[in-house]
Amino acid sequence: MRTYVSETIFFIERENGLGLQAQLRETVVSAVVGGRIQPGAQLPSTRRLADYLRISRITVTLAYQELVSQGYLEVVGRSAYRIASNPPGRGAENIALPLGAQPVDWDSKVTMDFDAVRQVEKPLDWRRYPYPFLYGQMDPTLFDLNAWRDCARRALAREDFILMASDFAAADDVRLVNYICSRTLPRRGIHATPDEILVTVGAQNALWIVTRLILQHGSSAVCENPCHPDISASLLMSGARVTTIDVDAEGLPPDSLPEDVDAVVVTPSHHSPTGATMPIDRRVRLLQAAIERDFVIVEDDYEFEISFLAPPSPALKAFDTTGRVLYIGSFSKSLFPGLRLGYLVAPAPFIRKARALRSLMLRHPPGHLQRTAAYFLALGHYDAVLHRMRTEYHARHIAMAEAFQREGLKIAGASAFGGTSFWMEGPEGLDADRLVQVLRQDGVLVESGAPFFPKSSDPCRFFRMGYSSIPKSCISEGIAKVRASIDMHF
């Protein structure tokens, strides 16, 4: 006996962003794969479904025809369509599993302890808030989407596609690596050859690779306090003994390092999160200590491109003559956070080991993404975007500073060359975690400073306010709301 598919399983979301044909195909595919429609079931006629959904009949016809070409539907007679007898994705529903099977106890199976890992909270729907003072988010009005699309199209040209579609094995895109060598690193005073560069899935991936190669249970590591929670978490997860050293107005003080240390992770040019810059004499002392005590320095050099107040200081790696500095950079902050492209610069023998480890983790970052980024960088679009960002961020920086002064809020730290955020200090007794929740109810998003202090469970009075994603016109009113909330609740 023939079964029929009711048109009521179909629905259209006109604000979905997905085309009407795509939505129809998605409905059929998900129902077939999920077993809700059986093989041989006949679908509503194109006219009937079009009338029900109030869309064009040709839209339904084209969707059905595409499903036929994909093997999900069969044509019956001249114009009827039914589910294919053996559509893709079917079969798993017939597998019988034992009754009464218990779910896996993952707390006992997973040996890694994530209790000490605390992330900076960023709501996914942050764009609906009128005052998003979030760090690391982008303003799409400053990005050249048309240029990125053009570069993505170029990366799909036949010659590029053949290269991209191949397995890179452990290699990286040659054009992207050459750009990093010839354009990016020289701006930081660094000279490197292609065999000293590894492309990574963002800076965090580079940091994870480094910690896995140089640290183990029983090792000793040092990080700044405060520091980015991903840095402290990566060190803790390595099994190393982690010492946090308080930073001052000039960053991490080398004289405070313990005698026994295997690795020191620093953000010297732009400390995260205070923005402090480590002066040259401190960098020299840190490098001298590394030589004398035989430890490695991991340098996270983020946001140096966003310089509008003054030129950024040279990277710590620029002063390294012994190969003890492992340098981490990223394009995600200067382009868009979802890009997830970073790079690691280190001596060639270390990069060979890092490449082997990356290959076991994820082979290599997607080839099409690497080639698209390479075109975007090489054709000058990157520099044009940075110019727009610097101009706009400079104006927002001034608006933020003036509003803080007007409202009597205390700036605890900000980058001397620019950047995209302020590190704020609230009054005694302020709990930044609670402040975040209170402000969110008023449409204001800020970030608690608590995750930046890995070894403290006390209430934190520090918080971070970014300006990369908030319009300049909203800054003054948003900061006034911050002041009012602090006065009302603390």
Protein backbone atom coordinates (compact mmCIF):
# COMPACT_ATOMS: atom_id res chain seq x y z
CA MET A 1 0.00 0.00 0.00
CA ARG A 2 1.42 3.38 -1.05
CA THR A 3 2.03 5.99 1.67
CA TYR A 4 1.86 9.71 1.16
CA VAL A 5 3.85 12.54 2.71
CA SER A 6 1.68 15.33 4.06
CA GLU A 7 2.50 18.85 3.01
CA THR A 8 2.21 19.87 6.66
CA ILE A 9 5.76 18.65 7.38
CA PHE A 10 7.02 21.55 5.26
CA PHE A 11 7.35 25.09 6.52
CA ILE A 12 9.17 28.18 5.33
CA GLU A 13 11.07 30.71 7.45
CA ARG A 14 11.36 33.76 5.22
CA GLU A 15 13.80 35.47 7.61
CA ASN A 16 15.95 32.34 7.83
CA GLY A 17 18.68 33.58 5.50
CA LEU A 18 18.52 30.21 3.71
CA GLY A 19 16.93 30.09 0.25
CA LEU A 20 13.45 28.65 -0.23
CA GLN A 21 14.71 25.73 -2.33
CA ALA A 22 17.37 24.95 0.26
CA GLN A 23 14.78 24.91 3.04
CA LEU A 24 12.59 22.47 1.10
CA ARG A 25 15.53 20.17 0.40
CA GLU A 26 16.64 20.35 4.03
CA THR A 27 13.17 19.28 5.21
CA VAL A 28 13.13 16.20 2.96
CA VAL A 29 16.73 15.17 3.67
CA SER A 30 16.39 15.45 7.46
CA ALA A 31 13.11 13.50 7.39
CA VAL A 32 14.60 10.73 5.23
CA VAL A 33 17.83 10.40 7.19
CA GLY A 34 15.94 10.57 10.48
CA GLY A 35 13.58 7.80 9.40
CA ARG A 36 10.43 9.95 9.60
CA ILE A 37 9.67 9.28 5.91
CA GLN A 38 9.94 5.76 4.54
CA PRO A 39 11.27 4.77 1.09
CA GLY A 40 8.56 4.78 -1.53
CA ALA A 41 6.40 7.43 0.16
CA GLN A 42 4.96 9.85 -2.37
CA LEU A 43 5.48 13.58 -1.90
CA PRO A 44 2.83 16.26 -2.44
CA SER A 45 2.56 17.45 -6.03
CA THR A 46 4.53 20.56 -6.91
CA ARG A 47 1.31 22.55 -7.38
CA ARG A 48 -0.20 21.36 -4.09
CA LEU A 49 2.93 22.12 -2.04
CA ALA A 50 3.42 25.49 -3.73
CA ASP A 51 -0.17 26.48 -2.95
CA TYR A 52 0.19 25.32 0.67
CA LEU A 53 3.43 27.27 1.24
CA ARG A 54 2.36 30.19 -0.97
CA ILE A 55 5.51 30.09 -3.01
CA SER A 56 6.26 29.64 -6.70
CA ARG A 57 5.63 26.22 -8.22
CA ILE A 58 8.95 26.42 -10.06
CA THR A 59 10.71 26.75 -6.67
CA VAL A 60 9.21 23.43 -5.55
CA THR A 61 9.97 21.79 -8.90
CA LEU A 62 13.63 22.84 -8.81
CA ALA A 63 13.97 21.62 -5.21
CA TYR A 64 12.46 18.22 -6.12
CA GLN A 65 14.70 17.91 -9.19
CA GLU A 66 17.80 18.62 -7.13
CA LEU A 67 16.75 15.93 -4.64
CA VAL A 68 16.33 13.51 -7.55
CA SER A 69 19.88 14.24 -8.74
CA GLN A 70 21.14 13.63 -5.20
CA GLY A 71 19.38 10.26 -4.99
CA TYR A 72 16.78 11.14 -2.35
CA LEU A 73 13.77 11.16 -4.70
CA GLU A 74 12.57 9.22 -7.72
CA VAL A 75 10.29 10.44 -10.52
CA VAL A 76 7.09 8.46 -10.94
CA GLY A 77 5.31 8.81 -14.25
CA ARG A 78 5.51 12.29 -15.74
CA SER A 79 5.42 14.55 -12.68
CA ALA A 80 5.02 12.64 -9.43
CA TYR A 81 7.86 12.29 -6.93
CA ARG A 82 8.47 9.71 -4.22
CA ILE A 83 11.23 8.86 -1.76
CA ALA A 84 13.89 6.70 -3.42
CA SER A 85 13.99 3.02 -2.53
CA ASN A 86 17.56 3.32 -1.21
CA PRO A 87 18.23 6.99 -0.41
CA PRO A 88 21.57 8.22 0.97
CA GLY A 89 22.01 8.11 4.74
CA ARG A 90 19.56 5.26 5.44
CA GLY A 91 20.35 1.98 7.16
CA ALA A 92 21.53 2.83 10.68
CA GLU A 93 17.97 2.85 12.02
CA ASN A 94 17.74 -0.93 11.54
CA ILE A 95 20.60 -1.69 13.94
CA ALA A 96 19.36 -3.22 17.21
CA LEU A 97 21.07 -2.21 20.44
CA PRO A 98 20.80 -4.03 23.78
CA LEU A 99 17.85 -2.97 25.90
CA GLY A 100 18.56 -1.22 29.19
CA ALA A 101 22.07 -0.10 28.22
CA GLN A 102 23.41 2.51 30.63
CA PRO A 103 24.82 5.85 29.43
CA VAL A 104 28.56 6.35 29.62
CA ASP A 105 29.90 7.86 32.84
CA TRP A 106 32.10 10.49 31.24
CA ASP A 107 33.31 11.85 34.56
CA SER A 108 35.17 8.57 35.09
CA LYS A 109 36.22 8.12 31.46
CA VAL A 110 37.75 11.58 30.91
CA THR A 111 40.93 11.91 32.93
CA MET A 112 41.63 15.58 32.23
CA ASP A 113 40.35 17.99 34.88
CA PHE A 114 38.64 21.07 33.47
CA ASP A 115 37.44 22.45 36.80
CA ALA A 116 40.32 24.95 36.85
CA VAL A 117 39.56 26.18 33.34
CA ARG A 118 37.43 29.31 33.25
CA GLN A 119 36.55 31.06 30.02
CA VAL A 120 35.62 34.68 29.39
CA GLU A 121 31.87 34.57 28.74
CA LYS A 122 30.68 36.00 25.43
CA PRO A 123 26.98 35.58 24.67
CA LEU A 124 26.40 34.31 21.14
CA ASP A 125 23.56 36.79 20.66
CA TRP A 126 25.69 39.78 21.67
CA ARG A 127 24.64 41.78 18.60
CA ARG A 128 21.12 42.24 19.99
CA TYR A 129 22.49 44.18 22.98
CA PRO A 130 22.65 47.96 22.42
CA TYR A 131 25.94 48.44 24.33
CA PRO A 132 28.34 45.54 23.53
CA PHE A 133 31.66 46.52 25.14
CA LEU A 134 33.07 43.10 24.26
CA TYR A 135 36.69 42.44 23.41
CA GLY A 136 37.60 40.46 20.30
CA GLN A 137 34.36 40.88 18.36
CA MET A 138 34.28 42.57 14.97
CA ASP A 139 32.42 45.46 13.41
CA PRO A 140 31.29 44.14 9.99
CA THR A 141 31.02 47.70 8.65
CA LEU A 142 34.82 47.97 8.79
CA PHE A 143 35.50 44.74 6.91
CA ASP A 144 35.58 44.47 3.10
CA LEU A 145 33.31 41.48 2.58
CA ASN A 146 33.24 41.92 -1.21
CA ALA A 147 37.03 41.73 -1.33
CA TRP A 148 37.00 38.60 0.82
CA ARG A 149 34.44 37.01 -1.49
CA ASP A 150 36.61 37.88 -4.49
CA CYS A 151 39.63 36.28 -2.83
CA ALA A 152 37.57 33.18 -1.98
CA ARG A 153 36.53 32.98 -5.64
CA ARG A 154 40.16 33.32 -6.75
CA ALA A 155 41.08 30.51 -4.37
CA LEU A 156 38.57 28.30 -6.21
CA ALA A 157 40.20 28.81 -9.61
CA ARG A 158 41.17 25.51 -11.22
CA GLU A 159 44.86 25.61 -10.38
CA ASP A 160 44.23 26.78 -6.81
CA PHE A 161 41.40 24.31 -6.32
CA ILE A 162 43.51 21.34 -7.40
CA LEU A 163 46.14 22.37 -4.86
CA MET A 164 43.57 23.10 -2.14
CA ALA A 165 41.65 19.86 -2.70
CA SER A 166 44.80 17.79 -2.30
CA ASP A 167 46.04 16.52 1.04
CA PHE A 168 48.69 18.98 2.19
CA ALA A 169 50.03 16.24 4.48
CA ALA A 170 51.97 18.35 6.98
CA ALA A 171 52.61 21.31 4.66
CA ASP A 172 51.11 24.83 4.64
CA ASP A 173 50.02 27.16 1.87
CA VAL A 174 53.21 28.49 0.29
CA ARG A 175 51.74 31.90 -0.54
CA LEU A 176 50.51 32.46 3.00
CA VAL A 177 53.84 31.42 4.53
CA ASN A 178 55.74 33.67 2.11
CA TYR A 179 53.55 36.62 3.06
CA ILE A 180 54.19 36.01 6.76
CA CYS A 181 57.94 35.85 6.05
CA SER A 182 58.15 38.89 3.81
CA ARG A 183 55.48 41.25 5.17
CA THR A 184 54.12 40.36 8.60
CA LEU A 185 57.23 39.40 10.57
CA PRO A 186 59.51 42.20 9.31
CA ARG A 187 57.01 44.68 10.78
CA ARG A 188 57.83 43.14 14.16
CA GLY A 189 61.59 43.19 13.57
CA ILE A 190 61.68 39.42 13.00
CA HIS A 191 63.53 37.59 10.25
CA ALA A 192 62.41 34.02 9.58
CA THR A 193 62.56 31.49 6.76
CA PRO A 194 59.63 29.31 5.62
CA ASP A 195 60.92 26.28 7.51
CA GLU A 196 60.66 28.31 10.73
CA ILE A 197 56.91 28.98 10.35
CA LEU A 198 53.89 26.79 11.11
CA VAL A 199 50.35 27.89 10.25
CA THR A 200 47.89 27.08 13.04
CA VAL A 201 44.17 27.23 13.74
CA GLY A 202 44.50 30.50 15.64
CA ALA A 203 46.91 31.52 18.38
CA GLN A 204 45.35 29.13 20.90
CA ASN A 205 46.20 26.14 18.70
CA ALA A 206 49.80 27.36 18.50
CA LEU A 207 49.96 27.74 22.28
CA TRP A 208 48.55 24.25 22.81
CA ILE A 209 51.12 22.73 20.45
CA VAL A 210 53.95 24.54 22.20
CA THR A 211 52.89 23.52 25.70
CA ARG A 212 52.53 19.89 24.61
CA LEU A 213 56.07 19.88 23.22
CA ILE A 214 57.98 21.66 25.99
CA LEU A 215 56.02 20.85 29.16
CA GLN A 216 55.01 17.68 30.96
CA HIS A 217 54.15 16.49 34.46
CA GLY A 218 56.85 17.81 36.74
CA SER A 219 57.83 20.71 34.49
CA SER A 220 57.78 24.27 35.82
CA ALA A 221 56.02 27.09 33.94
CA VAL A 222 55.48 30.79 34.60
CA CYS A 223 52.70 33.05 33.36
CA GLU A 224 51.66 36.61 34.09
CA ASN A 225 49.07 37.57 36.69
CA PRO A 226 46.61 38.60 35.47
CA CYS A 227 46.83 36.72 32.20
CA HIS A 228 44.51 35.45 29.50
CA PRO A 229 42.60 32.44 30.88
CA ASP A 230 43.46 30.33 27.83
CA ILE A 231 47.16 30.72 28.60
CA SER A 232 46.90 29.70 32.25
CA ALA A 233 44.52 26.84 31.36
CA SER A 234 46.88 25.47 28.70
CA LEU A 235 49.75 25.50 31.17
CA LEU A 236 47.70 23.84 33.91
CA MET A 237 46.40 21.17 31.53
CA SER A 238 49.98 20.26 30.57
CA GLY A 239 50.54 18.97 34.10
CA ALA A 240 53.28 21.48 34.81
CA ARG A 241 53.65 23.37 38.09
CA VAL A 242 52.43 26.85 37.24
CA THR A 243 53.73 29.97 38.98
CA THR A 244 51.90 33.25 38.39
CA ILE A 245 53.88 36.49 38.71
CA ASP A 246 52.13 39.81 39.26
CA VAL A 247 52.69 42.31 36.48
CA ASP A 248 53.29 45.99 37.09
CA ALA A 249 53.13 49.03 34.82
CA GLU A 250 55.99 47.55 32.74
CA GLY A 251 54.69 44.01 32.46
CA LEU A 252 56.29 40.93 33.97
CA PRO A 253 59.35 41.68 36.18
CA PRO A 254 62.13 39.21 35.24
CA ASP A 255 63.74 39.53 38.67
CA SER A 256 60.69 37.77 40.18
CA LEU A 257 61.17 34.54 38.22
CA PRO A 258 61.71 31.41 40.30
CA GLU A 259 65.04 29.62 40.01
CA ASP A 260 63.49 26.44 38.64
CA VAL A 261 61.62 27.20 35.44
CA ASP A 262 61.26 25.48 32.06
CA ALA A 263 59.04 27.96 30.21
CA VAL A 264 57.80 31.52 30.63
CA VAL A 265 54.72 32.67 28.72
CA VAL A 266 54.48 36.44 28.23
CA THR A 267 52.64 39.11 26.25
CA PRO A 268 55.42 41.73 26.36
CA SER A 269 54.43 44.19 23.64
CA HIS A 270 50.81 44.38 24.76
CA HIS A 271 50.13 42.63 28.03
CA SER A 272 46.83 40.80 28.23
CA PRO A 273 44.68 42.23 29.70
CA THR A 274 46.23 45.45 31.09
CA GLY A 275 47.92 46.62 27.88
CA ALA A 276 51.27 47.28 29.60
CA THR A 277 54.37 47.25 27.39
CA MET A 278 57.57 45.64 28.62
CA PRO A 279 60.50 48.07 28.08
CA ILE A 280 63.63 47.06 26.22
CA ASP A 281 65.82 46.68 29.30
CA ARG A 282 63.36 44.20 30.83
CA ARG A 283 63.26 42.21 27.62
CA VAL A 284 67.02 42.00 27.58
CA ARG A 285 67.05 40.86 31.22
CA LEU A 286 64.40 38.24 30.47
CA LEU A 287 66.41 36.90 27.53
CA GLN A 288 69.59 36.86 29.62
CA ALA A 289 67.78 34.91 32.34
CA ALA A 290 66.54 32.43 29.73
CA ILE A 291 70.10 31.81 28.58
CA GLU A 292 71.55 31.55 32.06
CA ARG A 293 68.81 29.24 33.42
CA ASP A 294 68.13 27.38 30.17
CA PHE A 295 64.40 28.04 29.83
CA VAL A 296 62.17 28.84 26.86
CA ILE A 297 60.11 32.01 26.36
CA VAL A 298 56.73 31.80 24.65
CA GLU A 299 55.69 35.20 23.25
CA ASP A 300 52.05 35.86 22.42
CA ASP A 301 52.21 38.98 20.24
CA TYR A 302 48.59 39.95 19.68
CA GLU A 303 46.96 43.13 18.34
CA PHE A 304 50.20 44.83 17.30
CA GLU A 305 48.49 45.76 14.01
CA ILE A 306 45.92 47.96 15.78
CA SER A 307 48.33 50.82 16.41
CA PHE A 308 46.94 54.35 16.17
CA LEU A 309 48.43 56.15 19.19
CA ALA A 310 52.07 55.24 18.53
CA PRO A 311 54.06 52.60 16.63
CA PRO A 312 54.17 49.29 18.52
CA SER A 313 57.49 48.31 20.06
CA PRO A 314 59.47 45.53 18.35
CA ALA A 315 58.59 42.00 19.35
CA LEU A 316 60.63 40.24 22.01
CA LYS A 317 61.53 37.71 19.31
CA ALA A 318 63.32 40.51 17.44
CA PHE A 319 65.98 40.60 20.20
CA ASP A 320 66.40 36.82 20.31
CA THR A 321 69.74 35.59 18.94
CA THR A 322 69.71 32.12 20.48
CA GLY A 323 66.35 30.74 19.32
CA ARG A 324 64.85 30.64 22.80
CA VAL A 325 61.74 32.68 21.96
CA LEU A 326 58.79 30.83 20.44
CA TYR A 327 56.65 33.49 18.78
CA ILE A 328 52.87 33.24 18.35
CA GLY A 329 50.87 35.52 16.05
CA SER A 330 47.34 35.57 14.67
CA PHE A 331 45.22 37.11 11.91
CA SER A 332 42.00 36.44 13.82
CA LYS A 333 42.13 39.64 15.87
CA SER A 334 42.93 41.94 12.96
CA LEU A 335 40.51 40.39 10.43
CA PHE A 336 37.67 38.54 12.17
CA PRO A 337 37.64 36.14 15.13
CA GLY A 338 35.96 33.31 13.23
CA LEU A 339 38.88 33.17 10.79
CA ARG A 340 40.96 31.04 13.20
CA LEU A 341 44.30 31.46 11.41
CA GLY A 342 47.48 31.94 13.40
CA TYR A 343 51.13 31.05 13.10
CA LEU A 344 54.08 29.88 15.17
CA VAL A 345 57.64 31.11 14.55
CA ALA A 346 60.49 29.08 16.01
CA PRO A 347 63.80 27.43 15.01
CA ALA A 348 63.39 24.89 12.20
CA PRO A 349 64.07 21.81 14.38
CA PHE A 350 61.25 22.85 16.74
CA ILE A 351 58.89 23.60 13.85
CA ARG A 352 59.48 20.10 12.44
CA LYS A 353 58.30 18.60 15.74
CA ALA A 354 55.40 21.06 15.97
CA ARG A 355 54.37 20.19 12.41
CA ALA A 356 54.38 16.48 13.24
CA LEU A 357 52.21 17.08 16.33
CA ARG A 358 49.80 19.32 14.41
CA SER A 359 49.52 16.63 11.74
CA LEU A 360 48.35 14.14 14.36
CA MET A 361 45.81 16.65 15.71
CA LEU A 362 44.24 18.08 12.54
CA ARG A 363 46.65 17.51 9.63
CA HIS A 364 46.62 21.18 8.59
CA PRO A 365 44.29 24.22 8.61
CA PRO A 366 41.83 24.14 5.67
CA GLY A 367 43.60 24.77 2.37
CA HIS A 368 40.91 26.99 0.88
CA LEU A 369 40.94 29.23 3.96
CA GLN A 370 44.72 29.55 3.83
CA ARG A 371 44.73 30.45 0.13
CA THR A 372 41.83 32.92 0.51
CA ALA A 373 43.68 34.67 3.35
CA ALA A 374 46.89 34.67 1.29
CA TYR A 375 45.13 36.50 -1.58
CA PHE A 376 43.44 38.92 0.82
CA LEU A 377 46.80 39.79 2.36
CA ALA A 378 48.84 39.94 -0.84
CA LEU A 379 46.34 42.04 -2.83
CA GLY A 380 46.38 44.85 -0.24
CA HIS A 381 42.88 44.31 1.17
CA TYR A 382 44.32 43.51 4.60
CA ASP A 383 46.22 46.79 4.85
CA ALA A 384 43.13 48.71 3.69
CA VAL A 385 40.99 47.05 6.38
CA LEU A 386 43.61 47.81 9.03
CA HIS A 387 43.65 51.46 7.95
CA ARG A 388 39.87 51.71 8.41
CA MET A 389 40.08 49.93 11.77
CA ARG A 390 42.84 52.20 13.07
CA THR A 391 40.95 55.34 12.09
CA GLU A 392 37.65 54.21 13.62
CA TYR A 393 39.18 52.62 16.73
CA HIS A 394 41.15 55.79 17.40
CA ALA A 395 37.91 57.77 17.46
CA ARG A 396 36.25 55.19 19.73
CA HIS A 397 39.31 55.11 22.02
CA ILE A 398 39.07 58.86 22.52
CA ALA A 399 35.29 58.65 23.11
CA MET A 400 35.81 55.90 25.69
CA ALA A 401 38.57 57.75 27.55
CA GLU A 402 36.54 60.96 27.67
CA ALA A 403 33.44 59.12 28.91
CA PHE A 404 35.45 57.34 31.62
CA GLN A 405 36.81 60.66 32.83
CA ARG A 406 33.39 62.26 32.76
CA GLU A 407 31.83 59.40 34.74
CA GLY A 408 34.73 59.09 37.16
CA LEU A 409 35.60 55.50 36.23
CA LYS A 410 39.18 54.34 36.81
CA ILE A 411 41.25 53.01 33.91
CA ALA A 412 43.62 50.37 35.30
CA GLY A 413 45.38 49.73 31.99
CA ALA A 414 45.32 50.48 28.27
CA SER A 415 47.75 49.89 25.42
CA ALA A 416 50.19 52.71 24.77
CA PHE A 417 49.96 52.19 21.00
CA GLY A 418 46.21 51.56 20.61
CA GLY A 419 44.51 48.19 20.80
CA THR A 420 40.79 47.65 21.24
CA SER A 421 40.05 47.60 24.98
CA PHE A 422 40.44 49.20 28.40
CA TRP A 423 41.21 47.34 31.63
CA MET A 424 39.03 48.89 34.31
CA GLU A 425 39.26 48.90 38.11
CA GLY A 426 36.08 49.21 40.12
CA PRO A 427 35.76 50.39 43.73
CA GLU A 428 36.55 48.21 46.73
CA GLY A 429 33.82 45.64 47.22
CA LEU A 430 32.84 45.43 43.55
CA ASP A 431 32.21 41.90 42.26
CA ALA A 432 32.84 41.95 38.51
CA ASP A 433 30.93 38.70 37.95
CA ARG A 434 27.84 40.24 39.52
CA LEU A 435 28.39 43.50 37.64
CA VAL A 436 28.35 41.60 34.34
CA GLN A 437 24.96 40.07 35.18
CA VAL A 438 23.47 43.37 36.38
CA LEU A 439 24.63 45.26 33.29
CA ARG A 440 23.40 42.58 30.91
CA GLN A 441 19.85 43.19 32.15
CA ASP A 442 20.32 46.82 31.11
CA GLY A 443 21.59 45.95 27.62
CA VAL A 444 25.27 46.50 28.48
CA LEU A 445 27.92 43.81 27.95
CA VAL A 446 31.30 43.98 29.69
CA GLU A 447 33.73 41.21 30.68
CA SER A 448 34.58 40.18 34.21
CA GLY A 449 38.26 40.24 35.10
CA ALA A 450 37.96 37.17 37.33
CA PRO A 451 39.02 34.59 34.68
CA PHE A 452 42.29 36.50 34.21
CA PHE A 453 43.39 35.69 37.76
CA PRO A 454 43.83 31.89 37.63
CA LYS A 455 44.74 31.31 41.28
CA SER A 456 42.21 33.58 42.94
CA SER A 457 38.66 32.70 43.95
CA ASP A 458 37.97 36.03 45.66
CA PRO A 459 35.53 38.54 44.14
CA CYS A 460 37.31 40.54 41.44
CA ARG A 461 36.86 44.30 41.07
CA PHE A 462 38.54 44.45 37.64
CA PHE A 463 36.67 44.23 34.35
CA ARG A 464 37.44 44.74 30.65
CA MET A 465 35.61 46.96 28.19
CA GLY A 466 36.29 46.64 24.48
CA TYR A 467 35.33 48.97 21.66
CA SER A 468 35.85 46.93 18.49
CA SER A 469 32.17 46.07 18.15
CA ILE A 470 30.25 49.01 19.64
CA PRO A 471 29.33 52.06 17.53
CA LYS A 472 30.93 55.30 18.68
CA SER A 473 27.47 56.85 19.08
CA CYS A 474 26.58 54.32 21.81
CA ILE A 475 29.75 54.63 23.89
CA SER A 476 28.86 57.61 26.08
CA GLU A 477 25.41 56.35 27.08
CA GLY A 478 26.71 52.83 27.67
CA ILE A 479 29.46 54.01 30.00
CA ALA A 480 26.97 56.17 31.88
CA LYS A 481 24.92 53.02 32.49
CA VAL A 482 28.02 51.27 33.83
CA ARG A 483 28.59 54.13 36.27
CA ALA A 484 24.95 54.10 37.36
CA SER A 485 24.95 50.32 37.93
CA ILE A 486 28.12 50.49 40.03
CA ASP A 487 26.65 53.29 42.16
CA MET A 488 23.33 51.48 42.58
CA HIS A 489 24.56 47.96 43.34
CA PHE A 490 28.05 48.40 44.84
